[in-house]
């Protein structure tokens, strides 16, 4: 019996880096994720916290 095996996505482990001043942190996101999402340099993003998870989405102006 042959089972369909999905090829697992490449795993990326990243570290948080404290930014000067110590009030913010930076996280490096893999470039292929950025390309897939169509994001550009200096693009506005919305970061939301859901329990122990973070959600990063494209910013859209309020109408």
PDB file of N, CA and C in Angstrom:
ATOM      1  N   UNK A   1       0.844  -1.172   0.000  1.00  0.00           N
ATOM      2  CA  UNK A   1       0.000   0.000   0.000  1.00  0.00           C
ATOM      3  C   UNK A   1       0.894   1.241   0.000  1.00  0.00           C
ATOM      4  N   UNK A   2       0.702   2.118  -0.989  1.00  0.00           N
ATOM      5  CA  UNK A   2       1.497   3.336  -1.114  1.00  0.00           C
ATOM      6  C   UNK A   2       0.702   4.504  -0.542  1.00  0.00           C
ATOM      7  N   UNK A   3       1.309   5.199   0.394  1.00  0.00           N
ATOM      8  CA  UNK A   3       0.648   6.354   0.995  1.00  0.00           C
ATOM      9  C   UNK A   3       1.165   7.624   0.347  1.00  0.00           C
ATOM     10  N   UNK A   4       0.248   8.590   0.139  1.00  0.00           N
ATOM     11  CA  UNK A   4       0.667   9.899  -0.350  1.00  0.00           C
ATOM     12  C   UNK A   4       1.375  10.630   0.774  1.00  0.00           C
ATOM     13  N   UNK A   5       2.591  11.020   0.522  1.00  0.00           N
ATOM     14  CA  UNK A   5       3.334  11.776   1.529  1.00  0.00           C
ATOM     15  C   UNK A   5       3.545  13.184   0.993  1.00  0.00           C
ATOM     16  N   UNK A   6       3.043  14.155   1.753  1.00  0.00           N
ATOM     17  CA  UNK A   6       3.287  15.537   1.379  1.00  0.00           C
ATOM     18  C   UNK A   6       4.725  15.872   1.728  1.00  0.00           C
ATOM     19  N   UNK A   7       5.390  16.548   0.816  1.00  0.00           N
ATOM     20  CA  UNK A   7       6.747  16.976   1.091  1.00  0.00           C
ATOM     21  C   UNK A   7       6.683  18.076   2.144  1.00  0.00           C
ATOM     22  N   UNK A   8       7.350  17.887   3.272  1.00  0.00           N
ATOM     23  CA  UNK A   8       7.278  18.909   4.324  1.00  0.00           C
ATOM     24  C   UNK A   8       7.944  20.202   3.873  1.00  0.00           C
ATOM     25  N   UNK A   9       7.372  21.339   4.343  1.00  0.00           N
ATOM     26  CA  UNK A   9       7.977  22.625   4.032  1.00  0.00           C
ATOM     27  C   UNK A   9       9.333  22.707   4.709  1.00  0.00           C
ATOM     28  N   UNK A  10      10.216  23.470   4.090  1.00  0.00           N
ATOM     29  CA  UNK A  10      11.527  23.680   4.669  1.00  0.00           C
ATOM     30  C   UNK A  10      11.353  24.347   6.026  1.00  0.00           C
ATOM     31  N   UNK A  11      12.033  23.834   7.015  1.00  0.00           N
ATOM     32  CA  UNK A  11      11.897  24.359   8.372  1.00  0.00           C
ATOM     33  C   UNK A  11      12.904  25.481   8.607  1.00  0.00           C
ATOM     34  N   UNK A  12      12.419  26.576   9.152  1.00  0.00           N
ATOM     35  CA  UNK A  12      13.282  27.705   9.462  1.00  0.00           C
ATOM     36  C   UNK A  12      13.209  27.990  10.955  1.00  0.00           C
ATOM     37  N   UNK A  13      14.355  28.015  11.606  1.00  0.00           N
ATOM     38  CA  UNK A  13      14.423  28.378  13.019  1.00  0.00           C
ATOM     39  C   UNK A  13      15.134  29.722  13.078  1.00  0.00           C
ATOM     40  N   UNK A  14      14.520  30.684  13.747  1.00  0.00           N
ATOM     41  CA  UNK A  14      15.072  32.032  13.820  1.00  0.00           C
ATOM     42  C   UNK A  14      15.218  32.462  15.271  1.00  0.00           C
ATOM     43  N   UNK A  15      16.071  33.442  15.500  1.00  0.00           N
ATOM     44  CA  UNK A  15      16.277  34.007  16.829  1.00  0.00           C
ATOM     45  C   UNK A  15      15.760  35.433  16.853  1.00  0.00           C
ATOM     46  N   UNK A  16      15.267  35.853  18.012  1.00  0.00           N
ATOM     47  CA  UNK A  16      14.875  37.242  18.197  1.00  0.00           C
ATOM     48  C   UNK A  16      16.126  38.060  18.489  1.00  0.00           C
ATOM     49  N   UNK A  17      16.175  39.273  17.941  1.00  0.00           N
ATOM     50  CA  UNK A  17      17.296  40.171  18.162  1.00  0.00           C
ATOM     51  C   UNK A  17      16.786  41.465  18.757  1.00  0.00           C
ATOM     52  N   UNK A  18      17.387  41.872  19.872  1.00  0.00           N
ATOM     53  CA  UNK A  18      16.980  43.118  20.517  1.00  0.00           C
ATOM     54  C   UNK A  18      17.514  44.297  19.710  1.00  0.00           C
ATOM     55  N   UNK A  19      16.632  45.265  19.442  1.00  0.00           N
ATOM     56  CA  UNK A  19      17.000  46.465  18.697  1.00  0.00           C
ATOM     57  C   UNK A  19      17.543  47.501  19.685  1.00  0.00           C
ATOM     58  N   UNK A  20      18.405  48.393  19.213  1.00  0.00           N
ATOM     59  CA  UNK A  20      18.997  49.435  20.066  1.00  0.00           C
ATOM     60  C   UNK A  20      17.928  50.129  20.890  1.00  0.00           C
ATOM     61  N   UNK A  21      18.204  50.330  22.145  1.00  0.00           N
ATOM     62  CA  UNK A  21      17.238  50.942  23.050  1.00  0.00           C
ATOM     63  C   UNK A  21      16.518  49.896  23.879  1.00  0.00           C
ATOM     64  N   UNK A  22      16.393  48.692  23.364  1.00  0.00           N
ATOM     65  CA  UNK A  22      15.820  47.595  24.130  1.00  0.00           C
ATOM     66  C   UNK A  22      14.314  47.575  24.253  1.00  0.00           C
ATOM     67  N   UNK A  23      13.594  48.413  23.490  1.00  0.00           N
ATOM     68  CA  UNK A  23      12.134  48.416  23.595  1.00  0.00           C
ATOM     69  C   UNK A  23      11.470  47.610  22.483  1.00  0.00           C
ATOM     70  N   UNK A  24      12.243  47.187  21.490  1.00  0.00           N
ATOM     71  CA  UNK A  24      11.698  46.422  20.364  1.00  0.00           C
ATOM     72  C   UNK A  24      12.631  45.261  20.026  1.00  0.00           C
ATOM     73  N   UNK A  25      12.059  44.298  19.318  1.00  0.00           N
ATOM     74  CA  UNK A  25      12.820  43.151  18.847  1.00  0.00           C
ATOM     75  C   UNK A  25      12.634  43.009  17.344  1.00  0.00           C
ATOM     76  N   UNK A  26      13.589  42.341  16.696  1.00  0.00           N
ATOM     77  CA  UNK A  26      13.519  42.077  15.261  1.00  0.00           C
ATOM     78  C   UNK A  26      13.541  40.572  15.042  1.00  0.00           C
ATOM     79  N   UNK A  27      12.842  40.137  14.007  1.00  0.00           N
ATOM     80  CA  UNK A  27      12.819  38.737  13.614  1.00  0.00           C
ATOM     81  C   UNK A  27      13.073  38.681  12.116  1.00  0.00           C
ATOM     82  N   UNK A  28      14.061  37.923  11.699  1.00  0.00           N
ATOM     83  CA  UNK A  28      14.375  37.797  10.278  1.00  0.00           C
ATOM     84  C   UNK A  28      13.448  36.753   9.673  1.00  0.00           C
ATOM     85  N   UNK A  29      12.717  37.153   8.631  1.00  0.00           N
ATOM     86  CA  UNK A  29      11.786  36.259   7.937  1.00  0.00           C
ATOM     87  C   UNK A  29      12.464  35.790   6.654  1.00  0.00           C
ATOM     88  N   UNK A  30      12.415  34.502   6.342  1.00  0.00           N
ATOM     89  CA  UNK A  30      13.067  33.992   5.138  1.00  0.00           C
ATOM     90  C   UNK A  30      12.590  34.713   3.869  1.00  0.00           C
ATOM     91  N   UNK A  31      13.542  35.024   2.979  1.00  0.00           N
ATOM     92  CA  UNK A  31      13.256  35.789   1.771  1.00  0.00           C
ATOM     93  C   UNK A  31      12.227  35.107   0.879  1.00  0.00           C
ATOM     94  N   UNK A  32      12.229  33.774   0.794  1.00  0.00           N
ATOM     95  CA  UNK A  32      11.252  33.113  -0.070  1.00  0.00           C
ATOM     96  C   UNK A  32       9.829  33.308   0.451  1.00  0.00           C
ATOM     97  N   UNK A  33       9.640  33.435   1.772  1.00  0.00           N
ATOM     98  CA  UNK A  33       8.312  33.745   2.319  1.00  0.00           C
ATOM     99  C   UNK A  33       7.886  35.144   1.881  1.00  0.00           C
ATOM    100  N   UNK A  34       8.815  36.096   1.954  1.00  0.00           N
ATOM    101  CA  UNK A  34       8.521  37.482   1.576  1.00  0.00           C
ATOM    102  C   UNK A  34       8.140  37.550   0.098  1.00  0.00           C
ATOM    103  N   UNK A  35       8.874  36.857  -0.744  1.00  0.00           N
ATOM    104  CA  UNK A  35       8.562  36.839  -2.188  1.00  0.00           C
ATOM    105  C   UNK A  35       7.196  36.211  -2.448  1.00  0.00           C
ATOM    106  N   UNK A  36       6.904  35.083  -1.782  1.00  0.00           N
ATOM    107  CA  UNK A  36       5.618  34.401  -1.969  1.00  0.00           C
ATOM    108  C   UNK A  36       4.449  35.298  -1.582  1.00  0.00           C
ATOM    109  N   UNK A  37       4.633  36.120  -0.553  1.00  0.00           N
ATOM    110  CA  UNK A  37       3.573  37.019  -0.084  1.00  0.00           C
ATOM    111  C   UNK A  37       3.510  38.318  -0.884  1.00  0.00           C
ATOM    112  N   UNK A  38       4.525  38.579  -1.704  1.00  0.00           N
ATOM    113  CA  UNK A  38       4.540  39.788  -2.518  1.00  0.00           C
ATOM    114  C   UNK A  38       4.841  41.048  -1.714  1.00  0.00           C
ATOM    115  N   UNK A  39       5.494  40.886  -0.555  1.00  0.00           N
ATOM    116  CA  UNK A  39       5.809  42.037   0.287  1.00  0.00           C
ATOM    117  C   UNK A  39       7.038  42.751  -0.249  1.00  0.00           C
ATOM    118  N   UNK A  40       7.114  44.060   0.036  1.00  0.00           N
ATOM    119  CA  UNK A  40       8.223  44.902  -0.414  1.00  0.00           C
ATOM    120  C   UNK A  40       8.950  45.494   0.791  1.00  0.00           C
ATOM    121  N   UNK A  41      10.124  46.047   0.539  1.00  0.00           N
ATOM    122  CA  UNK A  41      10.903  46.717   1.574  1.00  0.00           C
ATOM    123  C   UNK A  41      10.130  47.909   2.134  1.00  0.00           C
ATOM    124  N   UNK A  42      10.136  48.082   3.438  1.00  0.00           N
ATOM    125  CA  UNK A  42       9.488  49.193   4.147  1.00  0.00           C
ATOM    126  C   UNK A  42       7.961  49.148   4.076  1.00  0.00           C
ATOM    127  N   UNK A  43       7.387  48.011   3.728  1.00  0.00           N
ATOM    128  CA  UNK A  43       5.932  47.869   3.638  1.00  0.00           C
ATOM    129  C   UNK A  43       5.325  47.866   5.035  1.00  0.00           C
ATOM    130  N   UNK A  44       4.152  48.504   5.180  1.00  0.00           N
ATOM    131  CA  UNK A  44       3.452  48.505   6.463  1.00  0.00           C
ATOM    132  C   UNK A  44       2.806  47.144   6.685  1.00  0.00           C
ATOM    133  N   UNK A  45       2.982  46.625   7.897  1.00  0.00           N
ATOM    134  CA  UNK A  45       2.400  45.341   8.272  1.00  0.00           C
ATOM    135  C   UNK A  45       1.693  45.483   9.611  1.00  0.00           C
ATOM    136  N   UNK A  46       0.695  44.646   9.845  1.00  0.00           N
ATOM    137  CA  UNK A  46      -0.036  44.626  11.108  1.00  0.00           C
ATOM    138  C   UNK A  46       0.381  43.364  11.861  1.00  0.00           C
ATOM    139  N   UNK A  47       0.790  43.531  13.125  1.00  0.00           N
ATOM    140  CA  UNK A  47       1.175  42.394  13.964  1.00  0.00           C
ATOM    141  C   UNK A  47       0.152  42.274  15.082  1.00  0.00           C
ATOM    142  N   UNK A  48      -0.473  41.100  15.183  1.00  0.00           N
ATOM    143  CA  UNK A  48      -1.477  40.852  16.225  1.00  0.00           C
ATOM    144  C   UNK A  48      -1.060  39.634  17.035  1.00  0.00           C
ATOM    145  N   UNK A  49      -1.451  39.646  18.314  1.00  0.00           N
ATOM    146  CA  UNK A  49      -1.143  38.533  19.211  1.00  0.00           C
ATOM    147  C   UNK A  49      -2.425  37.766  19.490  1.00  0.00           C
ATOM    148  N   UNK A  50      -2.394  36.464  19.275  1.00  0.00           N
ATOM    149  CA  UNK A  50      -3.503  35.560  19.563  1.00  0.00           C
ATOM    150  C   UNK A  50      -2.983  34.483  20.504  1.00  0.00           C
ATOM    151  N   UNK A  51      -3.249  34.647  21.791  1.00  0.00           N
ATOM    152  CA  UNK A  51      -2.722  33.694  22.768  1.00  0.00           C
ATOM    153  C   UNK A  51      -1.212  33.694  22.738  1.00  0.00           C
ATOM    154  N   UNK A  52      -0.617  32.550  22.381  1.00  0.00           N
ATOM    155  CA  UNK A  52       0.841  32.454  22.306  1.00  0.00           C
ATOM    156  C   UNK A  52       1.350  32.529  20.870  1.00  0.00           C
ATOM    157  N   UNK A  53       0.519  33.018  19.958  1.00  0.00           N
ATOM    158  CA  UNK A  53       0.896  33.105  18.545  1.00  0.00           C
ATOM    159  C   UNK A  53       0.856  34.545  18.066  1.00  0.00           C
ATOM    160  N   UNK A  54       1.649  34.828  17.032  1.00  0.00           N
ATOM    161  CA  UNK A  54       1.623  36.133  16.388  1.00  0.00           C
ATOM    162  C   UNK A  54       1.106  35.971  14.969  1.00  0.00           C
ATOM    163  N   UNK A  55       0.373  36.966  14.512  1.00  0.00           N
ATOM    164  CA  UNK A  55      -0.115  37.007  13.140  1.00  0.00           C
ATOM    165  C   UNK A  55       0.455  38.266  12.494  1.00  0.00           C
ATOM    166  N   UNK A  56       1.081  38.122  11.335  1.00  0.00           N
ATOM    167  CA  UNK A  56       1.627  39.259  10.599  1.00  0.00           C
ATOM    168  C   UNK A  56       0.887  39.329   9.275  1.00  0.00           C
ATOM    169  N   UNK A  57       0.212  40.465   9.034  1.00  0.00           N
ATOM    170  CA  UNK A  57      -0.583  40.626   7.815  1.00  0.00           C
ATOM    171  C   UNK A  57      -0.284  41.966   7.164  1.00  0.00           C
ATOM    172  N   UNK A  58      -0.581  42.043   5.880  1.00  0.00           N
ATOM    173  CA  UNK A  58      -0.446  43.286   5.142  1.00  0.00           C
ATOM    174  C   UNK A  58      -1.371  44.333   5.752  1.00  0.00           C
ATOM    175  N   UNK A  59      -0.899  45.566   5.877  1.00  0.00           N
ATOM    176  CA  UNK A  59      -1.697  46.666   6.420  1.00  0.00           C
ATOM    177  C   UNK A  59      -2.631  47.175   5.335  1.00  0.00           C
ATOM    178  N   UNK A  60      -3.880  47.392   5.704  1.00  0.00           N
ATOM    179  CA  UNK A  60      -4.852  47.976   4.775  1.00  0.00           C
ATOM    180  C   UNK A  60      -5.461  49.189   5.458  1.00  0.00           C
ATOM    181  N   UNK A  61      -5.545  50.327   4.764  1.00  0.00           N
ATOM    182  CA  UNK A  61      -6.106  51.532   5.388  1.00  0.00           C
ATOM    183  C   UNK A  61      -7.576  51.345   5.741  1.00  0.00           C
ATOM    184  N   UNK A  62      -7.984  51.955   6.850  1.00  0.00           N
ATOM    185  CA  UNK A  62      -9.388  51.911   7.268  1.00  0.00           C
ATOM    186  C   UNK A  62     -10.212  52.756   6.305  1.00  0.00           C
ATOM    187  N   UNK A  63     -11.348  52.248   5.885  1.00  0.00           N
ATOM    188  CA  UNK A  63     -12.229  53.017   4.981  1.00  0.00           C
ATOM    189  C   UNK A  63     -13.225  53.823   5.763  1.00  0.00           C
TER     190      UNK A  63
END
